[in-house]
Amino acid sequence: MMNEAEHHGIEPEPRARPCPSAIDGMLHIYRIVSGIALIDFERSVKGELLDLAEKACQGCVLLIHFLQYYYSTLDKISLAVSC
């Protein structure tokens, strides 16, 4: 039986659906691009964290040297006062 569109000579509009392989291809490209973006993001974060850790360690070393100097000076002062 003909539907009304066919009866009036109008061809029905084809229902266009993307081919499953095209969808798989787009998902594959998306995964690659997002994976590369994630790797770049992780590298930049790791780089920033390593820089911060290095600066913090340099700060800690300076703080330790300062405290050693400070306490050795205090020890010398306390020895001089006690004598």
C-alpha atoms as a PDB file:
ATOM      1  CA  MET A   1       0.000   0.000   0.000  1.00  0.00           C
ATOM      2  CA  MET A   2       1.323   3.456  -0.897  1.00  0.00           C
ATOM      3  CA  ASN A   3       1.574   6.156   1.704  1.00  0.00           C
ATOM      4  CA  GLU A   4       0.237   9.637   0.985  1.00  0.00           C
ATOM      5  CA  ALA A   5       3.612  11.142  -0.017  1.00  0.00           C
ATOM      6  CA  GLU A   6       4.227   8.403  -2.577  1.00  0.00           C
ATOM      7  CA  HIS A   7       0.659   8.737  -3.829  1.00  0.00           C
ATOM      8  CA  HIS A   8       1.237  12.420  -4.699  1.00  0.00           C
ATOM      9  CA  GLY A   9       4.530  11.693  -6.437  1.00  0.00           C
ATOM     10  CA  ILE A  10       6.700  13.024  -3.614  1.00  0.00           C
ATOM     11  CA  GLU A  11       9.655  10.845  -2.849  1.00  0.00           C
ATOM     12  CA  PRO A  12      10.059  10.230   0.848  1.00  0.00           C
ATOM     13  CA  GLU A  13      13.101  11.875   2.370  1.00  0.00           C
ATOM     14  CA  PRO A  14      15.747   9.282   3.118  1.00  0.00           C
ATOM     15  CA  ARG A  15      16.544   8.885   6.754  1.00  0.00           C
ATOM     16  CA  ALA A  16      20.190   9.682   6.914  1.00  0.00           C
ATOM     17  CA  ARG A  17      22.023   8.032   9.715  1.00  0.00           C
ATOM     18  CA  PRO A  18      25.759   8.123  10.039  1.00  0.00           C
ATOM     19  CA  CYS A  19      27.488   4.947   9.116  1.00  0.00           C
ATOM     20  CA  PRO A  20      28.622   3.030  12.232  1.00  0.00           C
ATOM     21  CA  SER A  21      32.166   2.948  10.881  1.00  0.00           C
ATOM     22  CA  ALA A  22      32.104   6.760  10.567  1.00  0.00           C
ATOM     23  CA  ILE A  23      30.963   7.047  14.190  1.00  0.00           C
ATOM     24  CA  ASP A  24      33.702   4.628  15.266  1.00  0.00           C
ATOM     25  CA  GLY A  25      36.232   6.668  13.299  1.00  0.00           C
ATOM     26  CA  MET A  26      35.110   9.923  14.908  1.00  0.00           C
ATOM     27  CA  LEU A  27      35.238   8.349  18.376  1.00  0.00           C
ATOM     28  CA  HIS A  28      38.702   6.984  17.642  1.00  0.00           C
ATOM     29  CA  ILE A  29      39.925  10.438  16.553  1.00  0.00           C
ATOM     30  CA  TYR A  30      38.290  11.993  19.626  1.00  0.00           C
ATOM     31  CA  ARG A  31      40.048   9.493  21.903  1.00  0.00           C
ATOM     32  CA  ILE A  32      43.401  10.194  20.250  1.00  0.00           C
ATOM     33  CA  VAL A  33      42.986  13.977  20.458  1.00  0.00           C
ATOM     34  CA  SER A  34      41.731  13.911  24.045  1.00  0.00           C
ATOM     35  CA  GLY A  35      44.500  11.449  24.965  1.00  0.00           C
ATOM     36  CA  ILE A  36      47.141  13.762  23.522  1.00  0.00           C
ATOM     37  CA  ALA A  37      45.567  16.714  25.338  1.00  0.00           C
ATOM     38  CA  LEU A  38      45.557  14.710  28.580  1.00  0.00           C
ATOM     39  CA  ILE A  39      49.202  13.708  28.133  1.00  0.00           C
ATOM     40  CA  ASP A  40      50.190  17.340  27.454  1.00  0.00           C
ATOM     41  CA  PHE A  41      48.178  18.460  30.481  1.00  0.00           C
ATOM     42  CA  GLU A  42      49.807  15.820  32.705  1.00  0.00           C
ATOM     43  CA  ARG A  43      53.256  16.776  31.455  1.00  0.00           C
ATOM     44  CA  SER A  44      52.644  20.460  32.114  1.00  0.00           C
ATOM     45  CA  VAL A  45      51.236  19.729  35.581  1.00  0.00           C
ATOM     46  CA  LYS A  46      54.133  17.397  36.379  1.00  0.00           C
ATOM     47  CA  GLY A  47      56.563  20.042  35.140  1.00  0.00           C
ATOM     48  CA  GLU A  48      54.937  22.707  37.290  1.00  0.00           C
ATOM     49  CA  LEU A  49      54.893  20.412  40.314  1.00  0.00           C
ATOM     50  CA  LEU A  50      58.533  19.472  39.798  1.00  0.00           C
ATOM     51  CA  ASP A  51      59.476  23.153  39.514  1.00  0.00           C
ATOM     52  CA  LEU A  52      57.545  23.943  42.690  1.00  0.00           C
ATOM     53  CA  ALA A  53      59.115  20.999  44.504  1.00  0.00           C
ATOM     54  CA  GLU A  54      62.576  22.065  43.383  1.00  0.00           C
ATOM     55  CA  LYS A  55      61.985  25.640  44.532  1.00  0.00           C
ATOM     56  CA  ALA A  56      60.528  24.392  47.808  1.00  0.00           C
ATOM     57  CA  CYS A  57      63.547  22.170  48.363  1.00  0.00           C
ATOM     58  CA  GLN A  58      65.882  25.084  47.689  1.00  0.00           C
ATOM     59  CA  GLY A  59      63.839  27.104  50.171  1.00  0.00           C
ATOM     60  CA  CYS A  60      64.021  24.286  52.709  1.00  0.00           C
ATOM     61  CA  VAL A  61      67.778  24.043  52.298  1.00  0.00           C
ATOM     62  CA  LEU A  62      68.112  27.785  52.846  1.00  0.00           C
ATOM     63  CA  LEU A  63      65.803  27.589  55.855  1.00  0.00           C
ATOM     64  CA  ILE A  64      67.801  24.700  57.325  1.00  0.00           C
ATOM     65  CA  HIS A  65      71.070  26.613  56.833  1.00  0.00           C
ATOM     66  CA  PHE A  66      69.538  29.706  58.417  1.00  0.00           C
ATOM     67  CA  LEU A  67      68.218  27.714  61.392  1.00  0.00           C
ATOM     68  CA  GLN A  68      71.566  25.986  61.862  1.00  0.00           C
ATOM     69  CA  TYR A  69      73.302  29.356  61.814  1.00  0.00           C
ATOM     70  CA  TYR A  70      70.652  30.866  64.104  1.00  0.00           C
ATOM     71  CA  TYR A  71      70.864  28.048  66.661  1.00  0.00           C
ATOM     72  CA  SER A  72      74.654  27.916  66.559  1.00  0.00           C
ATOM     73  CA  THR A  73      74.668  31.676  67.194  1.00  0.00           C
ATOM     74  CA  LEU A  74      72.214  31.200  70.070  1.00  0.00           C
ATOM     75  CA  ASP A  75      74.429  28.473  71.510  1.00  0.00           C
ATOM     76  CA  LYS A  76      77.449  30.793  71.328  1.00  0.00           C
ATOM     77  CA  ILE A  77      75.475  33.595  72.981  1.00  0.00           C
ATOM     78  CA  SER A  78      74.187  31.307  75.730  1.00  0.00           C
ATOM     79  CA  LEU A  79      77.712  29.996  76.341  1.00  0.00           C
ATOM     80  CA  ALA A  80      79.044  33.557  76.553  1.00  0.00           C
ATOM     81  CA  VAL A  81      76.267  34.597  78.942  1.00  0.00           C
ATOM     82  CA  SER A  82      76.688  31.549  81.175  1.00  0.00           C
ATOM     83  CA  CYS A  83      80.439  32.109  81.559  1.00  0.00           C
END
